[in-house]
PDB file of N, CA and C in Angstrom:
ATOM      1  N   MET A   1      -0.261  40.638 -36.713  1.00  0.00           N
ATOM      2  CA  MET A   1       0.677  41.195 -35.802  1.00  0.00           C
ATOM      3  C   MET A   1       0.873  43.003 -36.366  1.00  0.00           C
ATOM      4  N   SER A   2       1.767  43.047 -35.260  1.00  0.00           N
ATOM      5  CA  SER A   2       1.470  44.534 -35.442  1.00  0.00           C
ATOM      6  C   SER A   2       2.655  45.286 -35.950  1.00  0.00           C
ATOM      7  N   SER A   3       2.350  46.528 -36.725  1.00  0.00           N
ATOM      8  CA  SER A   3       3.058  46.875 -38.064  1.00  0.00           C
ATOM      9  C   SER A   3       4.366  47.614 -37.428  1.00  0.00           C
ATOM     10  N   ARG A   4       4.071  48.093 -36.115  1.00  0.00           N
ATOM     11  CA  ARG A   4       5.559  48.200 -35.411  1.00  0.00           C
ATOM     12  C   ARG A   4       6.243  47.311 -34.558  1.00  0.00           C
ATOM     13  N   LYS A   5       7.407  46.429 -35.171  1.00  0.00           N
ATOM     14  CA  LYS A   5       7.783  45.304 -34.485  1.00  0.00           C
ATOM     15  C   LYS A   5       9.336  45.945 -34.086  1.00  0.00           C
ATOM     16  N   PRO A   6       9.860  45.272 -33.315  1.00  0.00           N
ATOM     17  CA  PRO A   6      10.913  45.403 -32.503  1.00  0.00           C
ATOM     18  C   PRO A   6      12.233  45.088 -33.378  1.00  0.00           C
ATOM     19  N   SER A   7      13.349  45.346 -33.295  1.00  0.00           N
ATOM     20  CA  SER A   7      14.281  45.138 -34.664  1.00  0.00           C
ATOM     21  C   SER A   7      14.769  43.731 -33.970  1.00  0.00           C
ATOM     22  N   GLY A   8      14.887  43.309 -32.897  1.00  0.00           N
ATOM     23  CA  GLY A   8      15.050  41.311 -32.834  1.00  0.00           C
ATOM     24  C   GLY A   8      13.993  40.847 -33.431  1.00  0.00           C
ATOM     25  N   ARG A   9      12.763  40.900 -33.503  1.00  0.00           N
ATOM     26  CA  ARG A   9      12.012  39.926 -34.215  1.00  0.00           C
ATOM     27  C   ARG A   9      11.758  40.020 -35.890  1.00  0.00           C
ATOM     28  N   LYS A  10      12.692  41.911 -36.319  1.00  0.00           N
ATOM     29  CA  LYS A  10      12.548  41.656 -38.071  1.00  0.00           C
ATOM     30  C   LYS A  10      13.878  41.398 -37.973  1.00  0.00           C
ATOM     31  N   LYS A  11      14.997  40.820 -37.225  1.00  0.00           N
ATOM     32  CA  LYS A  11      16.339  40.406 -37.734  1.00  0.00           C
ATOM     33  C   LYS A  11      16.066  38.869 -38.081  1.00  0.00           C
ATOM     34  N   ARG A  12      15.128  38.546 -37.086  1.00  0.00           N
ATOM     35  CA  ARG A  12      14.542  36.530 -37.183  1.00  0.00           C
ATOM     36  C   ARG A  12      13.731  36.762 -38.324  1.00  0.00           C
ATOM     37  N   LEU A  13      12.587  37.639 -38.322  1.00  0.00           N
ATOM     38  CA  LEU A  13      12.182  37.120 -39.808  1.00  0.00           C
ATOM     39  C   LEU A  13      12.845  37.275 -41.116  1.00  0.00           C
ATOM     40  N   ILE A  14      13.709  38.042 -40.983  1.00  0.00           N
ATOM     41  CA  ILE A  14      14.734  38.233 -42.250  1.00  0.00           C
ATOM     42  C   ILE A  14      15.081  37.291 -42.836  1.00  0.00           C
ATOM     43  N   SER A  15      15.783  36.869 -41.683  1.00  0.00           N
ATOM     44  CA  SER A  15      16.558  35.600 -41.749  1.00  0.00           C
ATOM     45  C   SER A  15      15.745  34.040 -41.934  1.00  0.00           C
ATOM     46  N   ALA A  16      14.910  34.164 -41.403  1.00  0.00           N
ATOM     47  CA  ALA A  16      13.740  33.064 -41.700  1.00  0.00           C
ATOM     48  C   ALA A  16      13.582  33.150 -43.300  1.00  0.00           C
ATOM     49  N   GLY A  17      13.176  34.438 -43.975  1.00  0.00           N
ATOM     50  CA  GLY A  17      12.531  34.311 -45.172  1.00  0.00           C
ATOM     51  C   GLY A  17      13.945  33.938 -46.080  1.00  0.00           C
ATOM     52  N   ARG A  18      15.018  34.085 -45.484  1.00  0.00           N
ATOM     53  CA  ARG A  18      16.004  34.265 -46.501  1.00  0.00           C
ATOM     54  C   ARG A  18      16.397  32.070 -46.532  1.00  0.00           C
ATOM     55  N   GLN A  19      16.447  31.902 -45.884  1.00  0.00           N
ATOM     56  CA  GLN A  19      16.142  30.141 -45.158  1.00  0.00           C
ATOM     57  C   GLN A  19      15.716  29.402 -46.095  1.00  0.00           C
ATOM     58  N   THR A  20      14.329  30.352 -46.190  1.00  0.00           N
ATOM     59  CA  THR A  20      13.256  29.154 -46.919  1.00  0.00           C
ATOM     60  C   THR A  20      12.838  29.784 -48.650  1.00  0.00           C
ATOM     61  N   LYS A  21      13.975  30.186 -49.004  1.00  0.00           N
ATOM     62  CA  LYS A  21      14.236  30.814 -50.833  1.00  0.00           C
ATOM     63  C   LYS A  21      14.314  29.034 -51.353  1.00  0.00           C
ATOM     64  N   TRP A  22      13.966  29.304 -52.657  1.00  0.00           N
ATOM     65  CA  TRP A  22      15.111  27.873 -53.360  1.00  0.00           C
ATOM     66  C   TRP A  22      16.471  28.083 -53.338  1.00  0.00           C
ATOM     67  N   ALA A  23      16.930  27.032 -53.722  1.00  0.00           N
ATOM     68  CA  ALA A  23      18.185  26.864 -54.052  1.00  0.00           C
ATOM     69  C   ALA A  23      18.830  27.661 -55.729  1.00  0.00           C
ATOM     70  N   PRO A  24      19.710  28.123 -55.843  1.00  0.00           N
ATOM     71  CA  PRO A  24      20.438  28.624 -56.847  1.00  0.00           C
ATOM     72  C   PRO A  24      19.724  27.815 -58.434  1.00  0.00           C
ATOM     73  N   PHE A  25      20.008  28.463 -59.203  1.00  0.00           N
ATOM     74  CA  PHE A  25      19.478  27.699 -60.339  1.00  0.00           C
ATOM     75  C   PHE A  25      20.882  26.272 -60.516  1.00  0.00           C
ATOM     76  N   TRP A  26      21.654  26.874 -60.499  1.00  0.00           N
ATOM     77  CA  TRP A  26      23.324  26.302 -60.661  1.00  0.00           C
ATOM     78  C   TRP A  26      23.898  25.116 -59.775  1.00  0.00           C
ATOM     79  N   ILE A  27      22.828  24.970 -58.476  1.00  0.00           N
ATOM     80  CA  ILE A  27      22.912  24.034 -57.521  1.00  0.00           C
ATOM     81  C   ILE A  27      22.325  22.769 -58.112  1.00  0.00           C
ATOM     82  N   ILE A  28      21.264  22.978 -59.057  1.00  0.00           N
ATOM     83  CA  ILE A  28      20.924  21.530 -59.405  1.00  0.00           C
ATOM     84  C   ILE A  28      21.740  20.817 -60.359  1.00  0.00           C
ATOM     85  N   PRO A  29      22.392  21.014 -61.366  1.00  0.00           N
ATOM     86  CA  PRO A  29      23.906  20.138 -61.941  1.00  0.00           C
ATOM     87  C   PRO A  29      24.741  20.063 -60.965  1.00  0.00           C
ATOM     88  N   LYS A  30      24.856  20.797 -59.996  1.00  0.00           N
ATOM     89  CA  LYS A  30      26.201  20.230 -59.483  1.00  0.00           C
ATOM     90  C   LYS A  30      25.923  19.498 -58.643  1.00  0.00           C
ATOM     91  N   LYS A  31      24.286  18.960 -57.912  1.00  0.00           N
ATOM     92  CA  LYS A  31      23.764  18.354 -56.614  1.00  0.00           C
ATOM     93  C   LYS A  31      23.427  16.949 -57.241  1.00  0.00           C
ATOM     94  N   PHE A  32      22.739  17.171 -58.162  1.00  0.00           N
ATOM     95  CA  PHE A  32      21.897  15.922 -59.028  1.00  0.00           C
ATOM     96  C   PHE A  32      22.441  15.192 -59.722  1.00  0.00           C
ATOM     97  N   GLY A  33      23.452  16.133 -60.791  1.00  0.00           N
ATOM     98  CA  GLY A  33      23.454  15.990 -62.127  1.00  0.00           C
ATOM     99  C   GLY A  33      23.465  16.971 -63.558  1.00  0.00           C
ATOM    100  N   VAL A  34      24.026  16.397 -64.463  1.00  0.00           N
ATOM    101  CA  VAL A  34      23.604  17.315 -65.605  1.00  0.00           C
ATOM    102  C   VAL A  34      22.439  16.752 -66.023  1.00  0.00           C
ATOM    103  N   GLY A  35      21.598  17.102 -66.454  1.00  0.00           N
ATOM    104  CA  GLY A  35      20.217  16.505 -67.248  1.00  0.00           C
ATOM    105  C   GLY A  35      19.147  15.936 -66.470  1.00  0.00           C
ATOM    106  N   LYS A  36      19.397  16.491 -65.200  1.00  0.00           N
ATOM    107  CA  LYS A  36      18.859  15.811 -63.975  1.00  0.00           C
ATOM    108  C   LYS A  36      17.591  17.346 -64.105  1.00  0.00           C
ATOM    109  N   ARG A  37      16.389  16.617 -64.173  1.00  0.00           N
ATOM    110  CA  ARG A  37      15.243  17.549 -63.954  1.00  0.00           C
ATOM    111  C   ARG A  37      14.305  17.945 -62.839  1.00  0.00           C
ATOM    112  N   VAL A  38      15.180  18.479 -61.782  1.00  0.00           N
ATOM    113  CA  VAL A  38      14.900  19.059 -60.056  1.00  0.00           C
ATOM    114  C   VAL A  38      14.235  20.231 -60.206  1.00  0.00           C
ATOM    115  N   HIS A  39      13.202  20.064 -59.165  1.00  0.00           N
ATOM    116  CA  HIS A  39      12.812  21.451 -58.566  1.00  0.00           C
ATOM    117  C   HIS A  39      14.057  22.335 -57.725  1.00  0.00           C
ATOM    118  N   PRO A  40      14.305  23.249 -57.760  1.00  0.00           N
ATOM    119  CA  PRO A  40      15.145  23.892 -57.111  1.00  0.00           C
ATOM    120  C   PRO A  40      15.065  23.766 -55.646  1.00  0.00           C
ATOM    121  N   SER A  41      13.658  23.833 -55.115  1.00  0.00           N
ATOM    122  CA  SER A  41      12.681  23.659 -53.905  1.00  0.00           C
ATOM    123  C   SER A  41      13.123  22.417 -53.614  1.00  0.00           C
ATOM    124  N   ALA A  42      14.015  20.948 -53.926  1.00  0.00           N
ATOM    125  CA  ALA A  42      14.555  19.883 -53.440  1.00  0.00           C
ATOM    126  C   ALA A  42      15.791  20.009 -52.972  1.00  0.00           C
ATOM    127  N   ALA A  43      16.165  20.920 -53.305  1.00  0.00           N
ATOM    128  CA  ALA A  43      17.939  21.373 -52.550  1.00  0.00           C
ATOM    129  C   ALA A  43      17.447  22.330 -51.491  1.00  0.00           C
ATOM    130  N   THR A  44      16.874  23.063 -51.067  1.00  0.00           N
ATOM    131  CA  THR A  44      16.646  23.556 -50.441  1.00  0.00           C
ATOM    132  C   THR A  44      16.402  23.021 -48.615  1.00  0.00           C
ATOM    133  N   SER A  45      17.313  23.168 -47.496  1.00  0.00           N
ATOM    134  CA  SER A  45      17.102  22.366 -46.564  1.00  0.00           C
ATOM    135  C   SER A  45      15.688  22.655 -45.652  1.00  0.00           C
ATOM    136  N   LYS A  46      15.325  23.958 -45.438  1.00  0.00           N
ATOM    137  CA  LYS A  46      14.730  24.694 -44.125  1.00  0.00           C
ATOM    138  C   LYS A  46      13.523  24.833 -45.376  1.00  0.00           C
ATOM    139  N   LYS A  47      12.264  24.031 -45.203  1.00  0.00           N
ATOM    140  CA  LYS A  47      11.051  24.448 -45.978  1.00  0.00           C
ATOM    141  C   LYS A  47      10.164  25.109 -44.827  1.00  0.00           C
ATOM    142  N   ARG A  48       9.728  25.825 -44.770  1.00  0.00           N
ATOM    143  CA  ARG A  48       9.023  26.805 -43.664  1.00  0.00           C
ATOM    144  C   ARG A  48       8.110  27.804 -44.602  1.00  0.00           C
ATOM    145  N   SER A  49       6.916  27.362 -44.480  1.00  0.00           N
ATOM    146  CA  SER A  49       5.395  28.724 -44.594  1.00  0.00           C
ATOM    147  C   SER A  49       5.376  29.560 -43.599  1.00  0.00           C
ATOM    148  N   TRP A  50       4.876  31.003 -44.041  1.00  0.00           N
ATOM    149  CA  TRP A  50       4.259  31.802 -42.905  1.00  0.00           C
ATOM    150  C   TRP A  50       2.872  31.301 -42.519  1.00  0.00           C
ATOM    151  N   ARG A  51       2.410  30.460 -43.149  1.00  0.00           N
ATOM    152  CA  ARG A  51       1.387  29.858 -42.837  1.00  0.00           C
ATOM    153  C   ARG A  51       1.178  28.954 -42.435  1.00  0.00           C
ATOM    154  N   ARG A  52       2.152  27.460 -42.196  1.00  0.00           N
ATOM    155  CA  ARG A  52       1.788  26.504 -41.871  1.00  0.00           C
ATOM    156  C   ARG A  52       2.728  26.563 -40.334  1.00  0.00           C
ATOM    157  N   THR A  53       4.130  26.737 -40.441  1.00  0.00           N
ATOM    158  CA  THR A  53       4.898  26.691 -39.072  1.00  0.00           C
ATOM    159  C   THR A  53       5.578  27.889 -38.687  1.00  0.00           C
ATOM    160  N   LYS A  54       5.260  28.395 -37.568  1.00  0.00           N
ATOM    161  CA  LYS A  54       5.863  29.588 -36.852  1.00  0.00           C
ATOM    162  C   LYS A  54       7.144  29.593 -36.494  1.00  0.00           C
ATOM    163  N   ILE A  55       8.045  30.540 -36.445  1.00  0.00           N
ATOM    164  CA  ILE A  55       9.097  30.742 -35.372  1.00  0.00           C
ATOM    165  C   ILE A  55       8.986  31.177 -34.315  1.00  0.00           C
ATOM    166  N   GLN A  56      10.084  30.991 -33.609  1.00  0.00           N
ATOM    167  CA  GLN A  56       9.943  31.643 -32.396  1.00  0.00           C
ATOM    168  C   GLN A  56       9.560  33.476 -32.394  1.00  0.00           C
ATOM    169  N   ARG A  57       8.659  33.219 -31.444  1.00  0.00           N
ATOM    170  CA  ARG A  57       8.592  35.052 -31.302  1.00  0.00           C
ATOM    171  C   ARG A  57       9.598  35.640 -30.154  1.00  0.00           C
ATOM    172  N   GLY A  58       9.128  37.136 -29.838  1.00  0.00           N
ATOM    173  CA  GLY A  58       9.959  37.333 -28.767  1.00  0.00           C
ATOM    174  C   GLY A  58      10.007  38.856 -29.139  1.00  0.00           C
TER     175      GLY A  58
END
């Protein structure tokens, strides 16, 4: 991809990057219960990688 991107594409990439982060550490005991050892990515709804799944371009 080019180094100069339109602002609309940058906004989409930024929001998509925020959605794919792991959940915060305090979500795990709240959602799964205290003492449960679960990875924070299990509480993340959108799992997208820049390599696997692409987002809409434009």
